[in-house]
Amino acid sequence: QVHLVESGGGLVQPGGSLRLSCAASGGVLIFTSMGWYRQVPGKERELVAYITTDGSATYADFVKGRFTISRDNAKNTVSLQMSSLKLEDTAVYYCNALQFLTDYNYWGQGTQVTVAS
């Protein structure tokens, strides 16, 4: 069974930066893609960014130019460097991993990011 564990959330002022990290362990650790989603109460979970095995990254329009996703295939980790944070970036951020061949989606437990002055 694959487990994803996030770290790095917290409170930051508008314009500040945070780095989220996610480590995968257990099971078959081969993922077609790894990424980040976020969710605020009352809204659906939305894609923030994902990155494929070959390093190709896709970003939601609302984070382009501000967030950078990276991945270490050898360590089975994915990170999200968030800069120029805005109040509306406040959410619970979830790590996601799409398992190769099974196409099963694994999720982390979520980490809270709060942007407030």
C-alpha atoms as a PDB file:
ATOM      1  CA  GLN A   1       0.000   0.000   0.000  1.00  0.00           C
ATOM      2  CA  VAL A   2       1.401   3.349  -1.050  1.00  0.00           C
ATOM      3  CA  HIS A   3       1.479   6.153   1.486  1.00  0.00           C
ATOM      4  CA  LEU A   4       2.010   9.805   0.678  1.00  0.00           C
ATOM      5  CA  VAL A   5       3.138  12.125   3.453  1.00  0.00           C
ATOM      6  CA  GLU A   6       3.146  15.885   2.971  1.00  0.00           C
ATOM      7  CA  SER A   7       5.110  18.458   4.899  1.00  0.00           C
ATOM      8  CA  GLY A   8       5.851  22.155   4.742  1.00  0.00           C
ATOM      9  CA  GLY A   9       2.500  23.836   5.176  1.00  0.00           C
ATOM     10  CA  GLY A  10       1.975  26.735   7.509  1.00  0.00           C
ATOM     11  CA  LEU A  11       1.153  30.397   7.881  1.00  0.00           C
ATOM     12  CA  VAL A  12       2.734  32.960   5.605  1.00  0.00           C
ATOM     13  CA  GLN A  13       2.131  36.598   4.787  1.00  0.00           C
ATOM     14  CA  PRO A  14       0.947  37.721   1.366  1.00  0.00           C
ATOM     15  CA  GLY A  15       3.879  37.865  -1.003  1.00  0.00           C
ATOM     16  CA  GLY A  16       5.763  35.262   0.968  1.00  0.00           C
ATOM     17  CA  SER A  17       6.989  31.802   0.038  1.00  0.00           C
ATOM     18  CA  LEU A  18       6.504  28.246   1.215  1.00  0.00           C
ATOM     19  CA  ARG A  19       7.784  24.922   0.040  1.00  0.00           C
ATOM     20  CA  LEU A  20       5.660  21.805   0.231  1.00  0.00           C
ATOM     21  CA  SER A  21       7.149  18.352   0.039  1.00  0.00           C
ATOM     22  CA  CYS A  22       5.624  14.920  -0.378  1.00  0.00           C
ATOM     23  CA  ALA A  23       7.289  11.569   0.069  1.00  0.00           C
ATOM     24  CA  ALA A  24       5.889   8.281  -1.162  1.00  0.00           C
ATOM     25  CA  SER A  25       6.574   4.980   0.556  1.00  0.00           C
ATOM     26  CA  GLY A  26       5.325   1.392   0.477  1.00  0.00           C
ATOM     27  CA  GLY A  27       3.899  -0.595  -2.413  1.00  0.00           C
ATOM     28  CA  VAL A  28       4.912  -0.163  -6.033  1.00  0.00           C
ATOM     29  CA  LEU A  29       6.525   3.253  -6.254  1.00  0.00           C
ATOM     30  CA  ILE A  30       6.272   3.849  -9.963  1.00  0.00           C
ATOM     31  CA  PHE A  31       4.119   6.828 -10.784  1.00  0.00           C
ATOM     32  CA  THR A  32       3.071   8.170 -14.134  1.00  0.00           C
ATOM     33  CA  SER A  33       2.638  11.555 -12.539  1.00  0.00           C
ATOM     34  CA  MET A  34       2.865  13.226  -9.157  1.00  0.00           C
ATOM     35  CA  GLY A  35       1.268  16.477  -8.266  1.00  0.00           C
ATOM     36  CA  TRP A  36      -0.567  18.805  -5.967  1.00  0.00           C
ATOM     37  CA  TYR A  37      -4.208  19.690  -5.573  1.00  0.00           C
ATOM     38  CA  ARG A  38      -5.871  22.080  -3.178  1.00  0.00           C
ATOM     39  CA  GLN A  39      -9.253  22.460  -1.586  1.00  0.00           C
ATOM     40  CA  VAL A  40     -11.088  25.080   0.407  1.00  0.00           C
ATOM     41  CA  PRO A  41     -14.264  24.389   2.392  1.00  0.00           C
ATOM     42  CA  GLY A  42     -17.335  24.276   0.210  1.00  0.00           C
ATOM     43  CA  LYS A  43     -15.403  23.943  -3.025  1.00  0.00           C
ATOM     44  CA  GLU A  44     -14.175  21.046  -5.097  1.00  0.00           C
ATOM     45  CA  ARG A  45     -10.592  19.942  -4.983  1.00  0.00           C
ATOM     46  CA  GLU A  46      -8.665  21.584  -7.810  1.00  0.00           C
ATOM     47  CA  LEU A  47      -5.453  20.826  -9.617  1.00  0.00           C
ATOM     48  CA  VAL A  48      -2.499  23.049  -8.796  1.00  0.00           C
ATOM     49  CA  ALA A  49       0.274  21.342 -10.734  1.00  0.00           C
ATOM     50  CA  TYR A  50       1.537  17.944 -11.752  1.00  0.00           C
ATOM     51  CA  ILE A  51       4.740  16.568 -13.178  1.00  0.00           C
ATOM     52  CA  THR A  52       5.369  13.435 -15.180  1.00  0.00           C
ATOM     53  CA  THR A  53       8.228  10.989 -14.904  1.00  0.00           C
ATOM     54  CA  ASP A  54      10.173  12.754 -17.638  1.00  0.00           C
ATOM     55  CA  GLY A  55       9.851  16.095 -15.866  1.00  0.00           C
ATOM     56  CA  SER A  56       7.115  17.640 -17.936  1.00  0.00           C
ATOM     57  CA  ALA A  57       5.131  19.993 -15.690  1.00  0.00           C
ATOM     58  CA  THR A  58       1.610  21.344 -16.010  1.00  0.00           C
ATOM     59  CA  TYR A  59       0.263  24.226 -13.955  1.00  0.00           C
ATOM     60  CA  ALA A  60      -3.124  25.678 -13.261  1.00  0.00           C
ATOM     61  CA  ASP A  61      -3.404  29.159 -14.720  1.00  0.00           C
ATOM     62  CA  PHE A  62      -3.785  30.722 -11.291  1.00  0.00           C
ATOM     63  CA  VAL A  63      -0.298  29.601 -10.194  1.00  0.00           C
ATOM     64  CA  LYS A  64       1.693  29.997 -13.401  1.00  0.00           C
ATOM     65  CA  GLY A  65       4.793  32.051 -12.808  1.00  0.00           C
ATOM     66  CA  ARG A  66       4.462  31.774  -9.033  1.00  0.00           C
ATOM     67  CA  PHE A  67       4.686  28.064  -8.223  1.00  0.00           C
ATOM     68  CA  THR A  68       7.257  25.544  -9.343  1.00  0.00           C
ATOM     69  CA  ILE A  69       6.837  21.789  -9.096  1.00  0.00           C
ATOM     70  CA  SER A  70       9.759  19.406  -9.000  1.00  0.00           C
ATOM     71  CA  ARG A  71      10.205  15.703  -8.617  1.00  0.00           C
ATOM     72  CA  ASP A  72      12.928  13.295  -7.573  1.00  0.00           C
ATOM     73  CA  ASN A  73      12.140   9.934  -9.123  1.00  0.00           C
ATOM     74  CA  ALA A  74      14.918   8.172  -7.239  1.00  0.00           C
ATOM     75  CA  LYS A  75      13.595   9.358  -3.879  1.00  0.00           C
ATOM     76  CA  ASN A  76       9.914   9.203  -4.837  1.00  0.00           C
ATOM     77  CA  THR A  77       9.320  12.755  -3.759  1.00  0.00           C
ATOM     78  CA  VAL A  78       7.537  15.717  -5.242  1.00  0.00           C
ATOM     79  CA  SER A  79       7.842  19.310  -4.094  1.00  0.00           C
ATOM     80  CA  LEU A  80       5.992  22.520  -4.711  1.00  0.00           C
ATOM     81  CA  GLN A  81       7.823  25.805  -4.319  1.00  0.00           C
ATOM     82  CA  MET A  82       5.229  28.515  -3.814  1.00  0.00           C
ATOM     83  CA  SER A  83       6.167  32.170  -4.178  1.00  0.00           C
ATOM     84  CA  SER A  84       4.286  35.451  -4.312  1.00  0.00           C
ATOM     85  CA  LEU A  85       1.552  33.845  -2.274  1.00  0.00           C
ATOM     86  CA  LYS A  86      -1.862  35.454  -2.269  1.00  0.00           C
ATOM     87  CA  LEU A  87      -4.713  35.359   0.209  1.00  0.00           C
ATOM     88  CA  GLU A  88      -6.647  33.181  -2.200  1.00  0.00           C
ATOM     89  CA  ASP A  89      -3.938  30.525  -2.103  1.00  0.00           C
ATOM     90  CA  THR A  90      -5.151  29.605   1.368  1.00  0.00           C
ATOM     91  CA  ALA A  91      -6.280  25.977   1.227  1.00  0.00           C
ATOM     92  CA  VAL A  92      -5.482  22.452   2.230  1.00  0.00           C
ATOM     93  CA  TYR A  93      -2.927  21.152  -0.237  1.00  0.00           C
ATOM     94  CA  TYR A  94      -2.963  17.476  -1.139  1.00  0.00           C
ATOM     95  CA  CYS A  95      -0.218  15.434  -2.703  1.00  0.00           C
ATOM     96  CA  ASN A  96      -1.313  13.086  -5.462  1.00  0.00           C
ATOM     97  CA  ALA A  97       0.381  10.213  -7.240  1.00  0.00           C
ATOM     98  CA  LEU A  98      -0.959   8.306 -10.229  1.00  0.00           C
ATOM     99  CA  GLN A  99       0.386   4.789 -10.159  1.00  0.00           C
ATOM    100  CA  PHE A 100       1.868   3.387 -13.346  1.00  0.00           C
ATOM    101  CA  LEU A 101      -0.184   0.627 -15.048  1.00  0.00           C
ATOM    102  CA  THR A 102      -2.940   0.512 -12.419  1.00  0.00           C
ATOM    103  CA  ASP A 103      -3.845   4.214 -12.844  1.00  0.00           C
ATOM    104  CA  TYR A 104      -4.756   4.219  -9.182  1.00  0.00           C
ATOM    105  CA  ASN A 105      -4.730   7.659  -7.571  1.00  0.00           C
ATOM    106  CA  TYR A 106      -3.089   7.931  -4.192  1.00  0.00           C
ATOM    107  CA  TRP A 107      -3.606  10.921  -1.914  1.00  0.00           C
ATOM    108  CA  GLY A 108      -1.797  12.358   1.023  1.00  0.00           C
ATOM    109  CA  GLN A 109      -3.560  13.502   4.163  1.00  0.00           C
ATOM    110  CA  GLY A 110      -3.265  17.168   3.244  1.00  0.00           C
ATOM    111  CA  THR A 111      -1.337  20.082   4.663  1.00  0.00           C
ATOM    112  CA  GLN A 112      -2.810  23.464   5.514  1.00  0.00           C
ATOM    113  CA  VAL A 113      -1.440  26.569   3.830  1.00  0.00           C
ATOM    114  CA  THR A 114      -2.720  29.841   5.219  1.00  0.00           C
ATOM    115  CA  VAL A 115      -1.851  33.168   3.653  1.00  0.00           C
ATOM    116  CA  ALA A 116      -2.747  36.026   5.967  1.00  0.00           C
ATOM    117  CA  SER A 117      -1.356  39.379   6.996  1.00  0.00           C
END
